[in-house]
Amino acid sequence: MGLTLGLLAVALGYVIVAGRRGAAPAAPAGAVDLSAGERLLFRSTAQVSYGRVATVPRAAAAGPRVVSGLSCDRVYAAAGAGLCLRSDGPLATYQLAVLDSHLRIKDTYPLVGVPNRARVSPSGHVLAWTVFVTGDSYNGGKFSTRVGMLDIATGETVDTLETYAVSRDGRAYRNVDLNFWGVTFVDDRHFYATMSTAGRRYLVYGDVAAQTVRTVAPNVECPSLSPDRTRIAFKEAIGGDPGNGWRLTVLDLATLRRTPLAETRSVDDQAAWLDDDTVMYAVRRGPKASDVWAVPAAGGGAARLLIPDAESPAALGNR
């Protein structure tokens, strides 16, 4: 994947009312801030601010939101660093925008594929993204994805995980159909992701320096590591077949015990952690409409609407 530097841009913010779809914007306010705090970052799907990056207070997530002028297809942030996957001009091309804590664009890089997933390491130093190279859905079975990573501190990049040495069930493994997506970071060097091969999907643990991945558990897609690093929230294909939809589930990494969560709708998203006890995720209501919901990570309880007209959430107060 070729990489080129881009131009600096500034995204100013304003406040709109989040609870009502199509509400008019209020008076201008301060810019969206990605620094650590009791706020939730997300992509707005409200009619008046569709696609724009926004934040809400964690304690009043359904209330007034601060909305920026920056549009993204997927967004994420940690430790004051942000990642925006977005359209690049009128043609069907896309780019990665590296954001600072004030949502200013530091660099841009072209993407070969349609943006799908985004993550930032806990330190804010390493960015990861997934794009669809062919196809545009995990559900149809005919798709190909590519994972990329960028260390913004050193400039080092990972253009694909397909060249990494793979260990499946403890044995060296190689196949031309290897496919990876949905990175979640342990630290700047280590990560979890999804790997598919021979019709099966696995949670894998990766090491960037060693350029290796090893399988951890089957039927795990779009993993998200908990703030305490003990559990993975993920979407589990019902009956092992994505054609049946997905059940939001949590995997205990010490025991590999799976806990289906109280959300019973099919969730086609890479969930994020609101805190150590709560998982948040987007549920679509239509082609351009979605909301962010939250559910207890221990099982039980009930799903609740967290942020109306939103998707691609990140808790800025997490590690």
C-alpha atoms as a PDB file:
ATOM      1  CA  MET A   1       0.000   0.000   0.000  1.00  0.00           C
ATOM      2  CA  GLY A   2       1.567   3.289  -1.054  1.00  0.00           C
ATOM      3  CA  LEU A   3       1.773   6.053   1.536  1.00  0.00           C
ATOM      4  CA  THR A   4       1.901   9.821   0.885  1.00  0.00           C
ATOM      5  CA  LEU A   5       1.692  12.843   3.135  1.00  0.00           C
ATOM      6  CA  GLY A   6      -1.329  15.140   2.973  1.00  0.00           C
ATOM      7  CA  LEU A   7      -2.359  18.640   3.986  1.00  0.00           C
ATOM      8  CA  LEU A   8      -3.246  20.144   7.336  1.00  0.00           C
ATOM      9  CA  ALA A   9      -6.903  20.901   8.032  1.00  0.00           C
ATOM     10  CA  VAL A  10      -8.834  22.168  11.041  1.00  0.00           C
ATOM     11  CA  ALA A  11     -12.252  20.855  12.055  1.00  0.00           C
ATOM     12  CA  LEU A  12     -14.302  23.329  14.092  1.00  0.00           C
ATOM     13  CA  GLY A  13     -17.200  22.169  16.245  1.00  0.00           C
ATOM     14  CA  TYR A  14     -20.685  23.227  17.192  1.00  0.00           C
ATOM     15  CA  VAL A  15     -23.482  21.855  19.373  1.00  0.00           C
ATOM     16  CA  ILE A  16     -26.634  20.149  18.175  1.00  0.00           C
ATOM     17  CA  VAL A  17     -29.357  18.365  20.117  1.00  0.00           C
ATOM     18  CA  ALA A  18     -28.744  14.618  19.942  1.00  0.00           C
ATOM     19  CA  GLY A  19     -32.059  13.271  21.115  1.00  0.00           C
ATOM     20  CA  ARG A  20     -34.158  14.342  18.108  1.00  0.00           C
ATOM     21  CA  ARG A  21     -33.341  13.337  14.574  1.00  0.00           C
ATOM     22  CA  GLY A  22     -33.077  16.308  12.217  1.00  0.00           C
ATOM     23  CA  ALA A  23     -32.808  18.895  15.024  1.00  0.00           C
ATOM     24  CA  ALA A  24     -31.365  22.288  14.086  1.00  0.00           C
ATOM     25  CA  PRO A  25     -27.848  23.204  15.257  1.00  0.00           C
ATOM     26  CA  ALA A  26     -27.430  25.597  18.147  1.00  0.00           C
ATOM     27  CA  ALA A  27     -24.889  28.399  18.480  1.00  0.00           C
ATOM     28  CA  PRO A  28     -21.211  27.600  17.721  1.00  0.00           C
ATOM     29  CA  ALA A  29     -19.194  26.143  20.568  1.00  0.00           C
ATOM     30  CA  GLY A  30     -15.708  24.772  21.196  1.00  0.00           C
ATOM     31  CA  ALA A  31     -14.008  22.274  18.909  1.00  0.00           C
ATOM     32  CA  VAL A  32     -14.221  18.524  19.444  1.00  0.00           C
ATOM     33  CA  ASP A  33     -11.447  17.419  21.798  1.00  0.00           C
ATOM     34  CA  LEU A  34      -9.890  13.936  21.664  1.00  0.00           C
ATOM     35  CA  SER A  35      -7.945  14.193  24.919  1.00  0.00           C
ATOM     36  CA  ALA A  36      -8.793  11.802  27.758  1.00  0.00           C
ATOM     37  CA  GLY A  37     -11.965  12.701  29.610  1.00  0.00           C
ATOM     38  CA  GLU A  38     -15.485  11.620  30.480  1.00  0.00           C
ATOM     39  CA  ARG A  39     -16.691  11.849  26.889  1.00  0.00           C
ATOM     40  CA  LEU A  40     -17.699   9.489  24.097  1.00  0.00           C
ATOM     41  CA  LEU A  41     -16.461   9.979  20.557  1.00  0.00           C
ATOM     42  CA  PHE A  42     -18.592   8.825  17.625  1.00  0.00           C
ATOM     43  CA  ARG A  43     -19.687   9.372  14.033  1.00  0.00           C
ATOM     44  CA  SER A  44     -23.021  11.176  13.813  1.00  0.00           C
ATOM     45  CA  THR A  45     -25.801   9.685  11.678  1.00  0.00           C
ATOM     46  CA  ALA A  46     -28.285  12.491  12.449  1.00  0.00           C
ATOM     47  CA  GLN A  47     -29.674  14.168   9.335  1.00  0.00           C
ATOM     48  CA  VAL A  48     -28.234  17.621  10.072  1.00  0.00           C
ATOM     49  CA  SER A  49     -24.726  16.330  10.828  1.00  0.00           C
ATOM     50  CA  TYR A  50     -24.498  13.058   8.944  1.00  0.00           C
ATOM     51  CA  GLY A  51     -21.001  11.564   8.927  1.00  0.00           C
ATOM     52  CA  ARG A  52     -19.410  14.195  11.156  1.00  0.00           C
ATOM     53  CA  VAL A  53     -17.227  13.432  14.151  1.00  0.00           C
ATOM     54  CA  ALA A  54     -18.865  14.312  17.457  1.00  0.00           C
ATOM     55  CA  THR A  55     -18.636  13.873  21.225  1.00  0.00           C
ATOM     56  CA  VAL A  56     -21.097  13.685  24.106  1.00  0.00           C
ATOM     57  CA  PRO A  57     -20.557  13.604  27.876  1.00  0.00           C
ATOM     58  CA  ARG A  58     -20.413  10.027  29.138  1.00  0.00           C
ATOM     59  CA  ALA A  59     -22.964  10.848  31.835  1.00  0.00           C
ATOM     60  CA  ALA A  60     -25.451  12.342  29.343  1.00  0.00           C
ATOM     61  CA  ALA A  61     -24.812  10.426  26.142  1.00  0.00           C
ATOM     62  CA  ALA A  62     -28.317  11.025  24.772  1.00  0.00           C
ATOM     63  CA  GLY A  63     -28.091  14.775  25.389  1.00  0.00           C
ATOM     64  CA  PRO A  64     -26.568  17.694  23.445  1.00  0.00           C
ATOM     65  CA  ARG A  65     -23.523  16.796  21.385  1.00  0.00           C
ATOM     66  CA  VAL A  66     -20.501  18.722  20.139  1.00  0.00           C
ATOM     67  CA  VAL A  67     -20.222  18.134  16.393  1.00  0.00           C
ATOM     68  CA  SER A  68     -17.145  18.914  14.318  1.00  0.00           C
ATOM     69  CA  GLY A  69     -16.845  19.898  10.683  1.00  0.00           C
ATOM     70  CA  LEU A  70     -14.820  16.745   9.936  1.00  0.00           C
ATOM     71  CA  SER A  71     -16.607  13.896   8.148  1.00  0.00           C
ATOM     72  CA  CYS A  72     -15.443  10.273   8.469  1.00  0.00           C
ATOM     73  CA  ASP A  73     -16.736   6.843   7.498  1.00  0.00           C
ATOM     74  CA  ARG A  74     -15.098   5.367  10.593  1.00  0.00           C
ATOM     75  CA  VAL A  75     -13.405   7.091  13.537  1.00  0.00           C
ATOM     76  CA  TYR A  76     -11.552   6.077  16.684  1.00  0.00           C
ATOM     77  CA  ALA A  77      -9.241   7.710  19.241  1.00  0.00           C
ATOM     78  CA  ALA A  78      -7.074   6.935  22.277  1.00  0.00           C
ATOM     79  CA  ALA A  79      -4.560   8.946  24.319  1.00  0.00           C
ATOM     80  CA  GLY A  80      -5.274  12.117  22.353  1.00  0.00           C
ATOM     81  CA  ALA A  81      -4.606  10.585  18.916  1.00  0.00           C
ATOM     82  CA  GLY A  82      -7.341   9.945  16.373  1.00  0.00           C
ATOM     83  CA  LEU A  83      -7.897   7.985  13.189  1.00  0.00           C
ATOM     84  CA  CYS A  84     -10.434   9.023  10.537  1.00  0.00           C
ATOM     85  CA  LEU A  85     -11.192   6.826   7.517  1.00  0.00           C
ATOM     86  CA  ARG A  86     -12.948   8.978   4.948  1.00  0.00           C
ATOM     87  CA  SER A  87     -13.825   9.644   1.323  1.00  0.00           C
ATOM     88  CA  ASP A  88     -11.138  11.330  -0.749  1.00  0.00           C
ATOM     89  CA  GLY A  89     -12.849  13.526  -3.350  1.00  0.00           C
ATOM     90  CA  PRO A  90     -15.840  12.859  -5.637  1.00  0.00           C
ATOM     91  CA  LEU A  91     -14.562   9.516  -6.940  1.00  0.00           C
ATOM     92  CA  ALA A  92     -14.840   6.243  -5.010  1.00  0.00           C
ATOM     93  CA  THR A  93     -11.451   6.662  -3.347  1.00  0.00           C
ATOM     94  CA  TYR A  94     -10.626   6.870   0.341  1.00  0.00           C
ATOM     95  CA  GLN A  95      -7.930   8.034   2.723  1.00  0.00           C
ATOM     96  CA  LEU A  96      -6.717   7.719   6.280  1.00  0.00           C
ATOM     97  CA  ALA A  97      -6.442  10.975   8.209  1.00  0.00           C
ATOM     98  CA  VAL A  98      -4.228  11.132  11.318  1.00  0.00           C
ATOM     99  CA  LEU A  99      -5.777  13.441  13.929  1.00  0.00           C
ATOM    100  CA  ASP A 100      -4.258  15.268  16.874  1.00  0.00           C
ATOM    101  CA  SER A 101      -6.087  15.902  20.140  1.00  0.00           C
ATOM    102  CA  HIS A 102      -7.776  19.018  18.696  1.00  0.00           C
ATOM    103  CA  LEU A 103      -9.056  17.075  15.662  1.00  0.00           C
ATOM    104  CA  ARG A 104      -6.547  18.759  13.389  1.00  0.00           C
ATOM    105  CA  ILE A 105      -5.389  16.583  10.487  1.00  0.00           C
ATOM    106  CA  LYS A 106      -1.655  15.940  10.786  1.00  0.00           C
ATOM    107  CA  ASP A 107      -1.177  13.611   7.800  1.00  0.00           C
ATOM    108  CA  THR A 108      -3.255  11.784   5.221  1.00  0.00           C
ATOM    109  CA  TYR A 109      -2.600   8.500   3.443  1.00  0.00           C
ATOM    110  CA  PRO A 110      -4.465   6.884   0.521  1.00  0.00           C
ATOM    111  CA  LEU A 111      -6.442   3.711   1.201  1.00  0.00           C
ATOM    112  CA  VAL A 112      -6.802   0.929  -1.353  1.00  0.00           C
ATOM    113  CA  GLY A 113     -10.277  -0.290  -0.451  1.00  0.00           C
ATOM    114  CA  VAL A 114     -13.491   0.723   1.309  1.00  0.00           C
ATOM    115  CA  PRO A 115     -13.056   1.768   5.002  1.00  0.00           C
ATOM    116  CA  ASN A 116     -14.454  -0.696   7.498  1.00  0.00           C
ATOM    117  CA  ARG A 117     -12.716  -0.821  10.917  1.00  0.00           C
ATOM    118  CA  ALA A 118     -10.420   1.531  12.856  1.00  0.00           C
ATOM    119  CA  ARG A 119      -8.473   1.287  16.113  1.00  0.00           C
ATOM    120  CA  VAL A 120      -5.758   3.204  18.007  1.00  0.00           C
ATOM    121  CA  SER A 121      -3.321   1.609  20.459  1.00  0.00           C
ATOM    122  CA  PRO A 122      -3.667   2.583  24.153  1.00  0.00           C
ATOM    123  CA  SER A 123      -0.591   4.854  23.917  1.00  0.00           C
ATOM    124  CA  GLY A 124      -1.982   6.658  20.864  1.00  0.00           C
ATOM    125  CA  HIS A 125       1.175   5.798  18.908  1.00  0.00           C
ATOM    126  CA  VAL A 126      -0.104   3.090  16.536  1.00  0.00           C
ATOM    127  CA  LEU A 127      -3.125   3.221  14.250  1.00  0.00           C
ATOM    128  CA  ALA A 128      -4.796   0.221  12.611  1.00  0.00           C
ATOM    129  CA  TRP A 129      -7.446   0.026   9.945  1.00  0.00           C
ATOM    130  CA  THR A 130      -9.317  -2.531   7.858  1.00  0.00           C
ATOM    131  CA  VAL A 131     -10.602  -1.978   4.335  1.00  0.00           C
ATOM    132  CA  PHE A 132     -12.704  -4.141   2.031  1.00  0.00           C
ATOM    133  CA  VAL A 133     -10.548  -4.828  -1.027  1.00  0.00           C
ATOM    134  CA  THR A 134     -13.356  -6.760  -2.760  1.00  0.00           C
ATOM    135  CA  GLY A 135     -16.953  -7.051  -1.622  1.00  0.00           C
ATOM    136  CA  ASP A 136     -18.571  -4.781   0.949  1.00  0.00           C
ATOM    137  CA  SER A 137     -20.033  -7.116   3.556  1.00  0.00           C
ATOM    138  CA  TYR A 138     -18.923  -9.950   5.823  1.00  0.00           C
ATOM    139  CA  ASN A 139     -22.283 -11.591   5.256  1.00  0.00           C
ATOM    140  CA  GLY A 140     -22.042 -12.563   1.588  1.00  0.00           C
ATOM    141  CA  GLY A 141     -18.983 -14.778   1.903  1.00  0.00           C
ATOM    142  CA  LYS A 142     -17.302 -13.232  -1.159  1.00  0.00           C
ATOM    143  CA  PHE A 143     -15.078 -10.529   0.269  1.00  0.00           C
ATOM    144  CA  SER A 144     -11.449  -9.753   0.881  1.00  0.00           C
ATOM    145  CA  THR A 145     -10.098  -7.422   3.546  1.00  0.00           C
ATOM    146  CA  ARG A 146      -6.721  -5.909   4.268  1.00  0.00           C
ATOM    147  CA  VAL A 147      -5.315  -4.676   7.560  1.00  0.00           C
ATOM    148  CA  GLY A 148      -2.820  -1.821   7.733  1.00  0.00           C
ATOM    149  CA  MET A 149      -0.958  -0.241  10.651  1.00  0.00           C
ATOM    150  CA  LEU A 150       0.955   2.994  11.089  1.00  0.00           C
ATOM    151  CA  ASP A 151       3.261   3.924  13.972  1.00  0.00           C
ATOM    152  CA  ILE A 152       2.887   7.706  14.035  1.00  0.00           C
ATOM    153  CA  ALA A 153       5.878   8.038  16.366  1.00  0.00           C
ATOM    154  CA  THR A 154       8.339   6.285  14.035  1.00  0.00           C
ATOM    155  CA  GLY A 155       6.585   6.363  10.660  1.00  0.00           C
ATOM    156  CA  GLU A 156       6.867   2.580  10.339  1.00  0.00           C
ATOM    157  CA  THR A 157       3.987   0.840   8.547  1.00  0.00           C
ATOM    158  CA  VAL A 158       2.448  -2.599   8.183  1.00  0.00           C
ATOM    159  CA  ASP A 159       0.806  -2.872   4.769  1.00  0.00           C
ATOM    160  CA  THR A 160      -0.732  -6.330   5.299  1.00  0.00           C
ATOM    161  CA  LEU A 161      -0.790  -9.173   7.825  1.00  0.00           C
ATOM    162  CA  GLU A 162      -0.861 -11.778   5.073  1.00  0.00           C
ATOM    163  CA  THR A 163       2.938 -12.001   5.058  1.00  0.00           C
ATOM    164  CA  TYR A 164       3.116 -12.814   8.792  1.00  0.00           C
ATOM    165  CA  ALA A 165       4.065 -16.324   9.930  1.00  0.00           C
ATOM    166  CA  VAL A 166       0.881 -18.079  11.085  1.00  0.00           C
ATOM    167  CA  SER A 167       0.507 -20.740  13.766  1.00  0.00           C
ATOM    168  CA  ARG A 168      -2.876 -22.499  13.727  1.00  0.00           C
ATOM    169  CA  ASP A 169      -3.653 -24.772  16.674  1.00  0.00           C
ATOM    170  CA  GLY A 170       0.041 -24.795  17.588  1.00  0.00           C
ATOM    171  CA  ARG A 171       1.363 -25.737  14.144  1.00  0.00           C
ATOM    172  CA  ALA A 172       2.847 -23.647  11.356  1.00  0.00           C
ATOM    173  CA  TYR A 173       0.187 -22.900   8.764  1.00  0.00           C
ATOM    174  CA  ARG A 174       0.092 -21.302   5.336  1.00  0.00           C
ATOM    175  CA  ASN A 175      -2.702 -20.906   2.793  1.00  0.00           C
ATOM    176  CA  VAL A 176      -3.325 -18.535  -0.100  1.00  0.00           C
ATOM    177  CA  ASP A 177      -6.807 -17.704   1.262  1.00  0.00           C
ATOM    178  CA  LEU A 178      -5.610 -16.042   4.501  1.00  0.00           C
ATOM    179  CA  ASN A 179      -7.680 -12.974   5.302  1.00  0.00           C
ATOM    180  CA  PHE A 180      -7.449 -10.606   8.300  1.00  0.00           C
ATOM    181  CA  TRP A 181      -9.621  -7.841   9.771  1.00  0.00           C
ATOM    182  CA  GLY A 182     -10.661  -6.073  12.968  1.00  0.00           C
ATOM    183  CA  VAL A 183      -7.481  -5.278  14.942  1.00  0.00           C
ATOM    184  CA  THR A 184      -7.677  -4.477  18.654  1.00  0.00           C
ATOM    185  CA  PHE A 185      -4.461  -3.501  20.467  1.00  0.00           C
ATOM    186  CA  VAL A 186      -2.868  -4.871  23.615  1.00  0.00           C
ATOM    187  CA  ASP A 187       0.005  -2.380  23.323  1.00  0.00           C
ATOM    188  CA  ASP A 188       2.099  -0.856  20.537  1.00  0.00           C
ATOM    189  CA  ARG A 189       3.569  -4.242  19.606  1.00  0.00           C
ATOM    190  CA  HIS A 190       0.847  -6.800  20.333  1.00  0.00           C
ATOM    191  CA  PHE A 191      -2.704  -7.100  19.062  1.00  0.00           C
ATOM    192  CA  TYR A 192      -5.677  -9.374  18.494  1.00  0.00           C
ATOM    193  CA  ALA A 193      -7.525  -9.654  15.169  1.00  0.00           C
ATOM    194  CA  THR A 194      -9.751 -11.937  13.112  1.00  0.00           C
ATOM    195  CA  MET A 195      -8.217 -14.401  10.646  1.00  0.00           C
ATOM    196  CA  SER A 196     -10.209 -16.456   8.158  1.00  0.00           C
ATOM    197  CA  THR A 197      -8.974 -19.463   6.203  1.00  0.00           C
ATOM    198  CA  ALA A 198     -10.480 -22.644   4.760  1.00  0.00           C
ATOM    199  CA  GLY A 199     -13.983 -21.452   5.595  1.00  0.00           C
ATOM    200  CA  ARG A 200     -13.277 -20.873   9.299  1.00  0.00           C
ATOM    201  CA  ARG A 201     -12.677 -17.726  11.331  1.00  0.00           C
ATOM    202  CA  TYR A 202     -10.340 -17.384  14.308  1.00  0.00           C
ATOM    203  CA  LEU A 203      -9.287 -14.959  16.982  1.00  0.00           C
ATOM    204  CA  VAL A 204      -5.532 -14.509  16.522  1.00  0.00           C
ATOM    205  CA  TYR A 205      -2.868 -12.932  18.709  1.00  0.00           C
ATOM    206  CA  GLY A 206      -0.227 -10.992  16.802  1.00  0.00           C
ATOM    207  CA  ASP A 207       3.263  -9.626  17.359  1.00  0.00           C
ATOM    208  CA  VAL A 208       4.307  -6.793  15.038  1.00  0.00           C
ATOM    209  CA  ALA A 209       8.030  -7.002  15.820  1.00  0.00           C
ATOM    210  CA  ALA A 210       8.180 -10.782  15.320  1.00  0.00           C
ATOM    211  CA  GLN A 211       5.698 -10.630  12.400  1.00  0.00           C
ATOM    212  CA  THR A 212       3.739 -13.599  13.739  1.00  0.00           C
ATOM    213  CA  VAL A 213       0.129 -14.471  14.513  1.00  0.00           C
ATOM    214  CA  ARG A 214      -1.254 -17.491  16.350  1.00  0.00           C
ATOM    215  CA  THR A 215      -4.811 -18.717  16.704  1.00  0.00           C
ATOM    216  CA  VAL A 216      -6.508 -18.362  20.097  1.00  0.00           C
ATOM    217  CA  ALA A 217     -10.133 -19.422  19.566  1.00  0.00           C
ATOM    218  CA  PRO A 218     -12.465 -20.251  16.652  1.00  0.00           C
ATOM    219  CA  ASN A 219     -15.547 -18.324  15.484  1.00  0.00           C
ATOM    220  CA  VAL A 220     -14.448 -14.921  16.793  1.00  0.00           C
ATOM    221  CA  GLU A 221     -14.919 -11.847  14.601  1.00  0.00           C
ATOM    222  CA  CYS A 222     -14.163  -8.155  15.104  1.00  0.00           C
ATOM    223  CA  PRO A 223     -12.573  -8.486  18.574  1.00  0.00           C
ATOM    224  CA  SER A 224     -12.376  -5.644  21.082  1.00  0.00           C
ATOM    225  CA  LEU A 225     -10.084  -5.953  24.099  1.00  0.00           C
ATOM    226  CA  SER A 226     -11.459  -4.807  27.464  1.00  0.00           C
ATOM    227  CA  PRO A 227      -9.720  -1.943  29.308  1.00  0.00           C
ATOM    228  CA  ASP A 228      -8.430  -4.425  31.923  1.00  0.00           C
ATOM    229  CA  ARG A 229      -7.091  -6.674  29.091  1.00  0.00           C
ATOM    230  CA  THR A 230      -8.838  -9.796  30.407  1.00  0.00           C
ATOM    231  CA  ARG A 231     -11.722 -10.192  27.944  1.00  0.00           C
ATOM    232  CA  ILE A 232     -12.593  -9.859  24.287  1.00  0.00           C
ATOM    233  CA  ALA A 233     -15.977  -8.577  23.122  1.00  0.00           C
ATOM    234  CA  PHE A 234     -16.771  -9.879  19.660  1.00  0.00           C
ATOM    235  CA  LYS A 235     -19.480 -10.920  17.221  1.00  0.00           C
ATOM    236  CA  GLU A 236     -20.007 -14.692  17.031  1.00  0.00           C
ATOM    237  CA  ALA A 237     -21.579 -16.133  13.875  1.00  0.00           C
ATOM    238  CA  ILE A 238     -24.769 -17.930  14.882  1.00  0.00           C
ATOM    239  CA  GLY A 239     -24.302 -21.642  14.266  1.00  0.00           C
ATOM    240  CA  GLY A 240     -20.886 -20.808  12.830  1.00  0.00           C
ATOM    241  CA  ASP A 241     -22.515 -19.266   9.734  1.00  0.00           C
ATOM    242  CA  PRO A 242     -22.462 -15.461   9.214  1.00  0.00           C
ATOM    243  CA  GLY A 243     -25.491 -15.918   6.963  1.00  0.00           C
ATOM    244  CA  ASN A 244     -27.475 -16.493  10.165  1.00  0.00           C
ATOM    245  CA  GLY A 245     -26.285 -13.215  11.702  1.00  0.00           C
ATOM    246  CA  TRP A 246     -24.064 -12.601  14.724  1.00  0.00           C
ATOM    247  CA  ARG A 247     -24.507 -12.750  18.511  1.00  0.00           C
ATOM    248  CA  LEU A 248     -22.600 -10.219  20.588  1.00  0.00           C
ATOM    249  CA  THR A 249     -20.435 -12.253  22.995  1.00  0.00           C
ATOM    250  CA  VAL A 250     -17.576 -11.828  25.486  1.00  0.00           C
ATOM    251  CA  LEU A 251     -14.618 -14.227  25.678  1.00  0.00           C
ATOM    252  CA  ASP A 252     -12.632 -14.632  28.910  1.00  0.00           C
ATOM    253  CA  LEU A 253      -9.001 -14.852  27.766  1.00  0.00           C
ATOM    254  CA  ALA A 254      -7.859 -16.908  30.758  1.00  0.00           C
ATOM    255  CA  THR A 255     -10.496 -19.631  30.483  1.00  0.00           C
ATOM    256  CA  LEU A 256     -11.784 -19.118  26.888  1.00  0.00           C
ATOM    257  CA  ARG A 257     -15.297 -19.210  28.367  1.00  0.00           C
ATOM    258  CA  ARG A 258     -17.875 -17.453  26.175  1.00  0.00           C
ATOM    259  CA  THR A 259     -20.718 -15.331  27.563  1.00  0.00           C
ATOM    260  CA  PRO A 260     -23.511 -14.365  25.132  1.00  0.00           C
ATOM    261  CA  LEU A 261     -24.719 -10.863  25.940  1.00  0.00           C
ATOM    262  CA  ALA A 262     -28.292  -9.674  26.410  1.00  0.00           C
ATOM    263  CA  GLU A 263     -28.381  -8.026  22.975  1.00  0.00           C
ATOM    264  CA  THR A 264     -30.240 -10.556  20.819  1.00  0.00           C
ATOM    265  CA  ARG A 265     -30.311  -8.578  17.561  1.00  0.00           C
ATOM    266  CA  SER A 266     -27.642  -9.379  14.998  1.00  0.00           C
ATOM    267  CA  VAL A 267     -24.716  -6.992  15.553  1.00  0.00           C
ATOM    268  CA  ASP A 268     -22.417  -6.465  12.568  1.00  0.00           C
ATOM    269  CA  ASP A 269     -19.928  -4.116  14.231  1.00  0.00           C
ATOM    270  CA  GLN A 270     -16.614  -4.040  16.035  1.00  0.00           C
ATOM    271  CA  ALA A 271     -17.850  -3.286  19.526  1.00  0.00           C
ATOM    272  CA  ALA A 272     -16.023  -0.957  21.924  1.00  0.00           C
ATOM    273  CA  TRP A 273     -15.868  -0.876  25.710  1.00  0.00           C
ATOM    274  CA  LEU A 274     -17.676   1.897  27.548  1.00  0.00           C
ATOM    275  CA  ASP A 275     -15.906   0.772  30.733  1.00  0.00           C
ATOM    276  CA  ASP A 276     -14.757  -2.515  32.302  1.00  0.00           C
ATOM    277  CA  ASP A 277     -18.363  -3.620  32.782  1.00  0.00           C
ATOM    278  CA  THR A 278     -20.131  -2.391  29.636  1.00  0.00           C
ATOM    279  CA  VAL A 279     -19.860  -2.989  25.892  1.00  0.00           C
ATOM    280  CA  MET A 280     -21.149  -0.477  23.305  1.00  0.00           C
ATOM    281  CA  TYR A 281     -21.851  -1.043  19.627  1.00  0.00           C
ATOM    282  CA  ALA A 282     -23.841   0.257  16.664  1.00  0.00           C
ATOM    283  CA  VAL A 283     -27.114  -1.214  15.435  1.00  0.00           C
ATOM    284  CA  ARG A 284     -28.374  -0.133  12.020  1.00  0.00           C
ATOM    285  CA  ARG A 285     -31.947   1.038  11.427  1.00  0.00           C
ATOM    286  CA  GLY A 286     -31.444   1.539   7.704  1.00  0.00           C
ATOM    287  CA  PRO A 287     -28.788   2.231   5.038  1.00  0.00           C
ATOM    288  CA  LYS A 288     -27.764   5.554   6.641  1.00  0.00           C
ATOM    289  CA  ALA A 289     -29.319   5.290  10.100  1.00  0.00           C
ATOM    290  CA  SER A 290     -27.870   3.709  13.229  1.00  0.00           C
ATOM    291  CA  ASP A 291     -27.735   4.124  17.007  1.00  0.00           C
ATOM    292  CA  VAL A 292     -25.156   3.189  19.611  1.00  0.00           C
ATOM    293  CA  TRP A 293     -26.387   0.767  22.261  1.00  0.00           C
ATOM    294  CA  ALA A 294     -24.814  -0.539  25.468  1.00  0.00           C
ATOM    295  CA  VAL A 295     -25.137  -3.873  27.274  1.00  0.00           C
ATOM    296  CA  PRO A 296     -23.572  -5.409  30.418  1.00  0.00           C
ATOM    297  CA  ALA A 297     -20.392  -7.346  29.637  1.00  0.00           C
ATOM    298  CA  ALA A 298     -21.089 -10.036  32.241  1.00  0.00           C
ATOM    299  CA  GLY A 299     -24.292 -11.228  30.557  1.00  0.00           C
ATOM    300  CA  GLY A 300     -27.749 -10.646  31.951  1.00  0.00           C
ATOM    301  CA  GLY A 301     -29.388  -7.249  32.157  1.00  0.00           C
ATOM    302  CA  ALA A 302     -30.726  -5.647  28.999  1.00  0.00           C
ATOM    303  CA  ALA A 303     -29.462  -3.635  26.064  1.00  0.00           C
ATOM    304  CA  ARG A 304     -30.108   0.110  26.324  1.00  0.00           C
ATOM    305  CA  LEU A 305     -29.952   2.963  23.858  1.00  0.00           C
ATOM    306  CA  LEU A 306     -26.783   4.943  24.619  1.00  0.00           C
ATOM    307  CA  ILE A 307     -26.332   7.490  21.790  1.00  0.00           C
ATOM    308  CA  PRO A 308     -29.135   8.052  19.272  1.00  0.00           C
ATOM    309  CA  ASP A 309     -28.148   8.653  15.644  1.00  0.00           C
ATOM    310  CA  ALA A 310     -24.564   7.472  16.065  1.00  0.00           C
ATOM    311  CA  GLU A 311     -22.015   4.785  15.209  1.00  0.00           C
ATOM    312  CA  SER A 312     -18.270   4.065  15.521  1.00  0.00           C
ATOM    313  CA  PRO A 313     -18.053   4.867  19.263  1.00  0.00           C
ATOM    314  CA  ALA A 314     -14.939   5.246  21.429  1.00  0.00           C
ATOM    315  CA  ALA A 315     -14.696   6.036  25.140  1.00  0.00           C
ATOM    316  CA  LEU A 316     -12.088   8.777  25.485  1.00  0.00           C
ATOM    317  CA  GLY A 317     -11.572   8.067  29.173  1.00  0.00           C
ATOM    318  CA  ASN A 318     -10.418   4.468  28.598  1.00  0.00           C
ATOM    319  CA  ARG A 319      -6.752   3.541  28.545  1.00  0.00           C
END
